[in-house]
């Protein structure tokens, strides 16, 4: 099981980015996403509508107390915090792949130092400022060895048929 935890969602500032975190998490193979900060039913509804149309069993849940959630999660999950201050991804990914249950933590606002301390792995996807969306995509791509690019979603009402030119949609 691989979950993504979006730490510190802020309305209206993070509406679009948090939605993109969820879209990348789903499309690149995560089982679900939890988020903290401000509760956002619009975010949850957007993700649920994507799942209804495009398929899959991806879930999204709000967690009002992020540190309590992460501390409790450590009992069953390995915490991987994506941060540009961590150890390089290519040096940590093989160790992370050995874990069965993972929560990938991505921040929005300044991440409390406590997150760095409780994380099992602080992993950097590059050492320059960048988007948490891109960091998550690169991490998941490495974690799933590129196999997520061929993922098929059960119960999809709409699918894309690859083509060189134009758009082919199967409904």
Protein backbone atom coordinates (compact mmCIF):
# COMPACT_ATOMS: atom_id res chain seq x y z
CA UNK A 1 0.00 0.00 0.00
CA UNK A 2 1.31 3.42 -0.94
CA UNK A 3 -0.45 6.58 0.25
CA UNK A 4 0.38 10.23 -0.28
CA UNK A 5 -0.02 12.68 2.59
CA UNK A 6 -0.45 16.35 1.60
CA UNK A 7 0.66 18.36 4.60
CA UNK A 8 -0.90 21.78 5.22
CA UNK A 9 -3.49 22.36 2.45
CA UNK A 10 -4.46 26.07 2.41
CA UNK A 11 -7.55 27.60 0.85
CA UNK A 12 -7.65 29.21 -1.65
CA UNK A 13 -3.87 29.20 -2.20
CA UNK A 14 -3.38 25.43 -2.63
CA UNK A 15 -6.63 24.39 -4.33
CA UNK A 16 -5.05 23.75 -7.72
CA UNK A 17 -1.72 22.34 -6.49
CA UNK A 18 -3.35 19.93 -4.03
CA UNK A 19 -5.64 18.74 -6.82
CA UNK A 20 -2.57 18.15 -8.98
CA UNK A 21 -0.87 16.25 -6.14
CA UNK A 22 -3.94 13.99 -6.01
CA UNK A 23 -4.04 13.58 -9.81
CA UNK A 24 -0.37 12.62 -9.97
CA UNK A 25 -0.70 10.31 -6.97
CA UNK A 26 -3.62 8.48 -8.61
CA UNK A 27 -2.25 8.36 -12.15
CA UNK A 28 1.22 7.27 -11.03
CA UNK A 29 0.06 4.38 -8.87
CA UNK A 30 -0.67 5.51 -5.30
CA UNK A 31 -3.62 3.86 -3.56
CA UNK A 32 -4.92 7.04 -1.98
CA UNK A 33 -4.22 10.44 -0.52
CA UNK A 34 -4.77 12.04 2.85
CA UNK A 35 -4.45 15.74 3.45
CA UNK A 36 -4.29 18.11 6.40
CA UNK A 37 -4.64 21.85 6.84
CA UNK A 38 -7.96 23.29 5.80
CA UNK A 39 -10.69 20.78 4.98
CA UNK A 40 -11.73 21.14 1.34
CA UNK A 41 -14.85 19.28 0.18
CA UNK A 42 -14.27 20.71 -3.31
CA UNK A 43 -10.90 18.95 -3.51
CA UNK A 44 -12.46 15.71 -2.34
CA UNK A 45 -15.34 15.96 -4.83
CA UNK A 46 -12.96 16.75 -7.72
CA UNK A 47 -10.88 13.66 -6.97
CA UNK A 48 -13.97 11.46 -6.57
CA UNK A 49 -15.33 12.66 -9.94
CA UNK A 50 -12.02 11.86 -11.64
CA UNK A 51 -12.13 8.36 -10.15
CA UNK A 52 -15.75 7.84 -11.26
CA UNK A 53 -14.92 8.80 -14.86
CA UNK A 54 -11.38 7.47 -15.23
CA UNK A 55 -11.64 4.43 -12.92
CA UNK A 56 -9.61 2.99 -10.10
CA UNK A 57 -10.02 2.70 -6.35
CA UNK A 58 -8.09 5.81 -5.32
CA UNK A 59 -9.32 7.34 -2.06
CA UNK A 60 -8.98 10.78 -0.49
CA UNK A 61 -9.41 11.60 3.20
CA UNK A 62 -9.02 14.65 5.41
CA UNK A 63 -6.89 14.37 8.55
CA UNK A 64 -7.41 17.24 11.03
CA UNK A 65 -4.36 16.44 13.17
CA UNK A 66 -1.38 15.76 10.87
CA UNK A 67 1.26 15.00 13.49
CA UNK A 68 -1.01 12.60 15.38
CA UNK A 69 -1.87 10.92 12.07
CA UNK A 70 1.79 10.55 11.05
CA UNK A 71 2.86 9.27 14.48
CA UNK A 72 0.08 6.67 14.47
CA UNK A 73 0.85 5.74 10.86
CA UNK A 74 4.46 4.87 11.80
CA UNK A 75 3.12 1.73 13.49
CA UNK A 76 2.21 0.24 10.08
CA UNK A 77 3.83 2.47 7.48
CA UNK A 78 7.26 3.72 6.49
CA UNK A 79 7.23 7.51 6.22
CA UNK A 80 9.02 8.98 3.21
CA UNK A 81 9.20 12.77 3.31
CA UNK A 82 9.97 14.42 -0.02
CA UNK A 83 12.17 17.46 0.60
CA UNK A 84 14.96 19.11 -1.34
CA UNK A 85 17.00 18.95 1.88
CA UNK A 86 16.97 15.13 2.09
CA UNK A 87 19.20 12.41 0.75
CA UNK A 88 19.28 12.05 -3.05
CA UNK A 89 16.50 9.87 -4.44
CA UNK A 90 18.86 7.65 -6.41
CA UNK A 91 20.71 6.79 -3.18
CA UNK A 92 17.54 5.95 -1.21
CA UNK A 93 15.05 4.47 -3.69
CA UNK A 94 16.23 0.85 -3.47
CA UNK A 95 15.91 0.89 0.31
CA UNK A 96 12.44 2.47 0.11
CA UNK A 97 11.28 -0.12 -2.47
CA UNK A 98 11.88 -2.87 0.09
CA UNK A 99 9.17 -1.44 2.35
CA UNK A 100 5.65 -2.84 2.13
CA UNK A 101 3.49 0.05 3.30
CA UNK A 102 4.58 3.60 2.55
CA UNK A 103 3.24 7.07 3.17
CA UNK A 104 4.87 9.71 0.99
CA UNK A 105 4.68 13.10 2.70
CA UNK A 106 4.61 16.25 0.55
CA UNK A 107 4.36 19.68 2.08
CA UNK A 108 2.77 22.93 1.03
CA UNK A 109 3.64 25.50 3.64
CA UNK A 110 6.84 25.39 5.67
CA UNK A 111 7.18 21.83 6.95
CA UNK A 112 7.62 21.56 10.73
CA UNK A 113 10.96 20.14 11.85
CA UNK A 114 9.07 17.37 13.64
CA UNK A 115 8.19 15.88 10.22
CA UNK A 116 11.89 15.63 9.34
CA UNK A 117 12.51 13.90 12.67
CA UNK A 118 9.73 11.30 12.50
CA UNK A 119 10.20 10.47 8.81
CA UNK A 120 11.99 7.20 8.18
CA UNK A 121 13.48 8.71 5.02
CA UNK A 122 13.91 12.35 4.03
CA UNK A 123 14.35 12.08 0.27
CA UNK A 124 15.40 14.78 -2.17
CA UNK A 125 14.34 14.83 -5.80
CA UNK A 126 16.97 17.38 -6.75
CA UNK A 127 18.47 20.05 -4.53
CA UNK A 128 16.89 23.13 -6.06
CA UNK A 129 13.48 24.68 -5.39
CA UNK A 130 10.80 22.82 -7.32
CA UNK A 131 7.17 21.78 -7.20
CA UNK A 132 5.92 19.10 -4.84
CA UNK A 133 3.88 17.82 -7.80
CA UNK A 134 7.01 17.20 -9.86
CA UNK A 135 8.85 15.68 -6.91
CA UNK A 136 5.97 13.27 -6.31
CA UNK A 137 5.81 12.30 -10.00
CA UNK A 138 9.54 11.61 -10.18
CA UNK A 139 9.49 9.66 -6.90
CA UNK A 140 6.54 7.48 -7.98
CA UNK A 141 8.08 6.92 -11.41
CA UNK A 142 11.27 5.64 -9.80
CA UNK A 143 9.39 3.65 -7.16
CA UNK A 144 7.23 1.82 -9.72
CA UNK A 145 10.12 1.51 -12.24
CA UNK A 146 8.09 3.17 -14.98
CA UNK A 147 5.38 0.48 -14.90
CA UNK A 148 2.82 3.06 -13.76
CA UNK A 149 2.89 4.52 -17.27
CA UNK A 150 1.04 1.44 -18.56
CA UNK A 151 -1.40 1.21 -15.67
CA UNK A 152 -4.99 0.29 -16.53
CA UNK A 153 -7.76 1.44 -14.21
CA UNK A 154 -10.71 -0.81 -13.39
CA UNK A 155 -14.24 0.53 -13.86
CA UNK A 156 -13.12 3.35 -16.17
CA UNK A 157 -15.96 5.05 -18.06
CA UNK A 158 -13.50 6.88 -20.27
CA UNK A 159 -10.11 5.89 -21.69
CA UNK A 160 -7.59 7.33 -24.09
CA UNK A 161 -6.48 5.33 -27.09
CA UNK A 162 -2.92 6.35 -27.94
CA UNK A 163 -2.50 7.85 -31.40
CA UNK A 164 0.17 9.81 -33.23
CA UNK A 165 -2.19 12.65 -34.21
CA UNK A 166 -5.54 13.83 -32.93
CA UNK A 167 -7.45 12.50 -29.96
CA UNK A 168 -9.12 9.13 -29.57
CA UNK A 169 -11.35 8.73 -26.56
CA UNK A 170 -13.16 5.51 -25.71
CA UNK A 171 -16.37 6.03 -23.76
